[in-house]
């Protein structure tokens, strides 16, 4: 049973909204307070720090003083920035298909190209490429209904919101020091077939924090909460149980 004294904050990634956690939310919220803030349609943030400040405001409004924060992909970048500024609020930190490393220059240029393409082609075209790439290659056909459902659901996200998120990601600094200095447990979840945040990077991160748990989802790409929901839920539950 998860501790009711721990507020669990689940942060979604880029190109999707907070419903990305739907498959595991019910199982996590039966005996704990679980919050799923949604940043997907915000167009006014241009840095990861701004998203982290937004999160702080929401937690203050919800009277949350301490929490475990688990971020998926871009959500992990927000979680790291939040933990850097508000370490006393953190009971546990989770990177779910995410990284503490900054983008290298080729990745930054790729993101700049995507920003330009969003001006030309809009959200749906972006998602028709981005969403399938989040799944493990073997899952793209096997889970084609889920792929298409995610594209449909998130096609309402304004392209300006996607561009804001991309600008924030490409300008974010390296935050490996947050892991190295962590005075709280750290969970790192990686997909064996993740082509966006390769598992090798997650293994490298797992060596940094003093108290780290690394979970490898063997059949997942970048969306373990959808590709292997039972295993993803179990990993988070077990992590929160010991906080």
Foldseek 3Di string as FASTA:
>chain_A
DFDQVAEEEEEEDALFWQCLLVLQVVVVPPRYHYHRDTLQQDQPAQALLVVLVVVVVVCVVVVQQAHEYAYAASGLLNQLSNCVVCVVRYQEYEYQLYALAADDPVVLVVLVVVLVVCVVPNSLVVLVPPQLLQWFPVVCVVVVVVSVVRSVVSSPRGSSSSNSSSSRRNPRHRRLVSQLPRPHEYEYEAECRAPPRHVVRSVVSQVRHPHYDYHYHDRTYRSCCPRPVVSVSVSVRVRSRVD
